[in-house]
Protein backbone atom coordinates (compact mmCIF):
# COMPACT_ATOMS: atom_id res chain seq x y z
CA MET A 1 83.30 -17.00 107.73
CA SER A 2 87.15 -16.32 106.94
CA GLY A 3 89.32 -16.08 103.81
CA PRO A 4 88.44 -15.49 100.30
CA ASP A 5 84.47 -15.89 101.08
CA SER A 6 84.58 -13.21 103.64
CA GLU A 7 86.56 -10.87 101.57
CA ASN A 8 84.19 -11.20 98.59
CA GLU A 9 81.02 -10.90 100.79
CA ILE A 10 82.55 -7.20 102.28
CA ARG A 11 83.09 -6.13 98.47
CA ARG A 12 79.37 -7.05 97.92
CA TYR A 13 78.58 -5.19 101.06
CA TYR A 14 80.45 -2.05 99.78
CA GLY A 15 78.64 -2.24 96.32
CA THR A 16 75.14 -2.63 97.85
CA LEU A 17 75.50 0.32 100.12
CA TYR A 18 77.42 2.76 98.01
CA ARG A 19 74.59 2.24 95.33
CA SER A 20 71.92 2.67 97.87
CA TRP A 21 73.46 5.50 99.41
CA GLY A 22 76.16 7.26 97.50
CA PRO A 23 79.00 9.25 98.63
CA GLN A 24 78.87 9.79 102.53
CA HIS A 25 81.33 12.98 102.68
CA TRP A 26 82.58 11.67 105.52
CA TRP A 27 84.58 12.89 107.67
CA PRO A 28 82.50 16.19 107.74
CA ALA A 29 85.04 19.00 108.35
CA GLU A 30 86.44 22.38 106.79
CA THR A 31 90.15 21.68 107.92
CA ARG A 32 92.51 18.56 108.57
CA PHE A 33 93.13 19.87 112.01
CA GLU A 34 89.36 19.80 112.61
CA VAL A 35 89.36 16.18 112.02
CA ILE A 36 92.19 15.56 114.21
CA VAL A 37 90.53 17.33 116.92
CA GLY A 38 87.49 15.26 116.24
CA ALA A 39 88.97 12.06 116.25
CA TYR A 40 90.26 12.81 119.80
CA LEU A 41 86.97 14.24 120.77
CA THR A 42 84.97 11.08 119.86
CA GLN A 43 86.57 8.81 122.02
CA ASN A 44 83.94 7.34 124.34
CA THR A 45 80.92 9.77 123.17
CA SER A 46 78.53 10.43 120.53
CA TRP A 47 79.15 12.54 117.48
CA THR A 48 76.49 15.03 118.63
CA ASN A 49 78.49 15.72 121.51
CA VAL A 50 81.55 15.98 119.73
CA GLU A 51 79.99 18.67 117.14
CA ARG A 52 78.88 20.76 120.35
CA ALA A 53 82.40 20.55 121.52
CA LEU A 54 83.58 21.49 117.96
CA THR A 55 81.25 24.55 117.71
CA ASN A 56 82.33 25.87 121.31
CA LEU A 57 86.02 25.62 119.72
CA ARG A 58 85.20 27.36 116.61
CA ASN A 59 83.29 30.00 118.07
CA ALA A 60 86.08 30.86 120.53
CA GLN A 61 88.33 30.95 117.33
CA LEU A 62 90.53 28.20 118.72
CA LEU A 63 89.74 25.18 116.43
CA THR A 64 93.27 25.76 114.77
CA LEU A 65 96.81 24.50 115.56
CA ASP A 66 97.60 27.90 117.30
CA GLY A 67 94.57 28.11 119.13
CA ILE A 68 95.07 24.89 120.78
CA ARG A 69 98.77 25.71 121.12
CA LYS A 70 98.03 28.99 123.11
CA ALA A 71 94.73 28.12 124.77
CA ARG A 72 94.93 27.72 128.59
CA ILE A 73 94.31 24.15 129.39
CA THR A 74 91.39 25.44 131.81
CA THR A 75 89.79 27.01 128.95
CA LEU A 76 90.26 24.14 126.46
CA GLN A 77 88.62 21.90 129.36
CA ARG A 78 85.64 24.11 129.55
CA LEU A 79 84.96 24.46 125.63
CA ILE A 80 85.09 20.81 124.96
CA ARG A 81 83.35 19.56 128.20
CA PRO A 82 80.34 18.33 126.02
CA SER A 83 82.39 15.42 124.63
CA GLY A 84 82.94 13.86 128.07
CA TYR A 85 86.35 13.10 129.70
CA PHE A 86 87.48 16.67 128.80
CA ARG A 87 90.35 17.07 131.42
CA GLN A 88 92.01 14.06 129.51
CA LYS A 89 91.22 15.14 125.99
CA ALA A 90 92.38 18.47 126.63
CA GLU A 91 95.82 17.14 127.67
CA ARG A 92 95.94 14.95 124.67
CA LEU A 93 94.99 17.73 122.19
CA LYS A 94 98.01 19.71 123.84
CA THR A 95 100.29 16.46 123.62
CA PHE A 96 99.51 16.12 119.96
CA VAL A 97 100.23 19.90 118.91
CA ALA A 98 103.21 19.60 121.00
CA PHE A 99 104.49 16.63 119.18
CA LEU A 100 103.65 18.32 115.87
CA ASP A 101 105.91 21.14 116.96
CA LYS A 102 108.91 19.09 118.02
CA GLU A 103 108.92 16.46 115.44
CA TYR A 104 107.53 18.33 112.60
CA GLU A 105 107.84 22.02 113.00
CA GLY A 106 104.27 22.46 113.44
CA SER A 107 103.30 21.38 109.88
CA LEU A 108 100.49 18.84 109.04
CA ASP A 109 101.85 18.79 105.64
CA LYS A 110 105.46 17.37 106.71
CA LEU A 111 103.41 15.01 109.18
CA PHE A 112 101.39 13.32 106.58
CA SER A 113 104.12 13.01 103.97
CA GLU A 114 105.67 10.27 106.13
CA PRO A 115 105.21 6.62 105.13
CA THR A 116 102.13 5.26 106.46
CA ALA A 117 103.30 2.35 108.55
CA GLU A 118 106.15 4.53 110.15
CA LEU A 119 103.62 7.36 110.90
CA ARG A 120 101.02 5.03 112.40
CA GLU A 121 103.38 3.78 114.90
CA GLU A 122 104.44 7.42 115.73
CA ILE A 123 100.80 8.57 116.26
CA LEU A 124 100.01 5.53 118.28
CA SER A 125 102.74 6.15 120.52
CA LEU A 126 101.07 9.35 121.69
CA ASN A 127 99.21 9.29 124.99
CA GLY A 128 95.46 8.57 124.64
CA VAL A 129 95.69 7.44 121.08
CA GLY A 130 94.19 3.82 120.22
CA PRO A 131 94.45 2.05 116.81
CA GLU A 132 90.98 3.63 115.82
CA THR A 133 92.15 7.27 116.60
CA ALA A 134 95.15 6.67 114.83
CA ASP A 135 93.67 5.33 111.72
CA SER A 136 90.94 7.87 111.62
CA ILE A 137 93.45 10.57 111.89
CA LEU A 138 95.57 9.01 109.25
CA LEU A 139 92.68 8.24 106.84
CA TYR A 140 90.46 11.40 107.26
CA ALA A 141 93.02 13.93 107.90
CA GLY A 142 96.15 12.67 106.09
CA ASN A 143 94.36 10.58 103.32
CA HIS A 144 96.51 7.74 104.14
CA PRO A 145 95.31 4.20 103.20
CA ALA A 146 94.26 2.96 106.93
CA PHE A 147 90.54 1.48 107.39
CA VAL A 148 88.95 2.49 110.49
CA VAL A 149 87.80 -0.31 112.46
CA ASP A 150 84.77 0.99 114.95
CA ALA A 151 82.13 -0.72 117.13
CA TYR A 152 79.47 -0.59 114.42
CA THR A 153 81.84 -2.52 112.05
CA ARG A 154 82.29 -4.85 115.06
CA ARG A 155 78.70 -5.26 115.39
CA ILE A 156 77.57 -5.28 111.81
CA PHE A 157 79.89 -8.21 110.59
CA ASP A 158 79.38 -10.09 113.75
CA ARG A 159 75.69 -10.32 113.26
CA HIS A 160 76.21 -11.32 109.73
CA GLY A 161 78.78 -14.09 110.61
CA ILE A 162 81.61 -12.72 108.75
CA LEU A 163 83.85 -12.45 111.91
CA PRO A 164 83.51 -12.35 116.04
CA GLU A 165 82.49 -9.04 117.48
CA LYS A 166 85.71 -9.48 119.78
CA SER A 167 88.13 -10.32 116.84
CA ASP A 168 91.52 -8.46 117.14
CA TYR A 169 91.34 -4.81 115.82
CA GLU A 170 94.52 -5.47 113.54
CA ASP A 171 92.80 -8.77 111.88
CA ILE A 172 89.73 -6.74 111.28
CA ARG A 173 91.53 -3.88 109.62
CA GLU A 174 93.79 -6.25 107.63
CA LEU A 175 90.90 -8.33 106.33
CA PHE A 176 88.83 -4.94 105.30
CA GLN A 177 92.15 -3.69 103.36
CA ARG A 178 92.54 -7.00 101.60
CA SER A 179 88.97 -6.85 100.58
CA LEU A 180 88.39 -3.34 99.68
CA SER A 181 91.89 -3.13 97.65
CA GLN A 182 90.03 -5.00 94.74
CA VAL A 183 87.18 -2.48 94.84
CA ALA A 184 89.57 0.51 94.39
CA GLU A 185 91.26 -1.05 91.62
CA GLY A 186 87.63 -1.53 90.02
CA VAL A 187 86.93 2.00 91.14
CA GLU A 188 89.91 3.51 89.13
CA ARG A 189 88.64 1.45 85.77
CA HIS A 190 85.13 1.96 86.13
CA PRO A 191 83.78 4.53 88.63
CA TRP A 192 80.82 3.64 90.33
CA ARG A 193 77.32 4.93 89.17
CA MET A 194 74.76 5.52 91.81
CA GLU A 195 71.70 3.68 90.94
CA SER A 196 69.28 5.16 93.59
CA LEU A 197 69.47 7.78 96.03
CA GLU A 198 65.88 8.02 96.94
CA SER A 199 66.06 6.45 100.28
CA ALA A 200 64.93 9.06 103.19
CA ILE A 201 68.05 8.00 104.84
CA ARG A 202 71.49 8.11 103.14
CA GLY A 203 73.36 6.47 105.70
CA ALA A 204 75.70 9.00 107.59
CA ALA A 205 75.72 11.58 104.77
CA HIS A 206 76.76 15.04 105.04
CA PRO A 207 77.01 17.75 102.88
CA PRO A 208 80.29 18.06 101.03
CA SER A 209 82.97 19.70 102.86
CA ALA A 210 86.49 20.93 102.24
CA VAL A 211 87.69 17.90 103.89
CA SER A 212 85.61 15.39 102.13
CA THR A 213 86.28 16.54 99.03
CA ALA A 214 89.80 16.84 99.00
CA HIS A 215 91.70 14.80 96.36
CA ARG A 216 92.72 11.46 97.46
CA THR A 217 93.60 8.13 95.80
CA ALA A 218 90.76 5.65 94.64
CA LEU A 219 91.87 3.17 97.77
CA VAL A 220 91.72 6.03 100.36
CA GLN A 221 88.32 7.22 98.96
CA VAL A 222 87.03 3.46 99.08
CA TYR A 223 88.29 2.97 102.85
CA ASN A 224 86.55 6.54 103.68
CA GLU A 225 83.15 5.45 101.81
CA MET A 226 83.00 2.12 103.52
CA HIS A 227 83.50 3.37 106.93
CA GLY A 228 81.04 6.09 106.32
CA LEU A 229 78.44 3.64 104.93
CA ILE A 230 79.07 1.43 107.88
CA VAL A 231 78.39 4.21 110.23
CA GLY A 232 75.14 4.94 108.34
CA VAL A 233 74.17 0.97 108.84
CA GLY A 234 74.98 1.17 112.40
CA LYS A 235 73.29 4.43 113.30
CA ASN A 236 70.07 3.96 111.47
CA TYR A 237 69.50 0.17 111.22
CA CYS A 238 72.08 -2.12 113.16
CA LYS A 239 71.19 -0.67 116.60
CA LYS A 240 72.60 -2.05 119.50
CA ASN A 241 69.07 -2.90 120.84
CA ASN A 242 66.09 -3.48 118.70
CA PRO A 243 67.78 -3.59 115.31
CA LEU A 244 65.81 -2.62 112.33
CA CYS A 245 67.03 -5.61 109.98
CA GLU A 246 63.81 -5.50 107.83
CA HIS A 247 64.47 -2.07 106.45
CA CYS A 248 68.25 -2.16 106.13
CA PRO A 249 70.04 -2.37 102.83
CA LEU A 250 71.87 -5.34 104.08
CA ARG A 251 69.02 -7.47 105.19
CA SER A 252 69.70 -9.73 102.15
CA PHE A 253 72.83 -10.66 103.28
CA LEU A 254 71.84 -11.93 107.07
CA PRO A 255 72.43 -15.42 107.59
CA GLU A 256 69.55 -17.69 107.98
CA LYS A 257 68.67 -18.70 111.60
């Protein structure tokens, strides 16, 4: 499936999931820098492992720009060890802070005031930053309109016949951004009303946090919610092995075999 049909289908998925589960409050964090650290740490590991590493940094009072800036590399490696690849990730966090200090005087406000396209290229140029990490930082820390494509997105929409799992990242991102721009226009005119929140599982929902409740445009909020809703489907139903299609809110969209 491609073109207008797939765009319309993605919009229908958004409406179905949002009405089933409501706001996901994703990404769960108290500061923008915590989001950035989490975006690095979540590479090639589960969110549970990331939470352990973040807790270690928080308990050591190092989950700040100045904390990462001043921490010895060996200390940083030890604290983020639960996230895996801890040596590479420690170096990458140091690289990001050095970049911020050199180019933006250590200011996230100045960093995120840059135009989205130019800033995305800058972040992508940093060591160890791929498109998913860059877009996570842009969307969740910077409130920039950049849709995040992850493994769940690829798996779900491949199984539903919308796009092949191995599609190019940029092609998937652009498809979702085209599709969801119309949803955002509708949200601005008629905010969604949640019809049901009775499900025992609410996707990937977290309690509201300082970051998840920050002011953002309707477009950024829709990108934010769609990614969180996709994570909920992937974690709870569209598993890599033994998917639970019968109970998934998207079961009616599955193509007939």
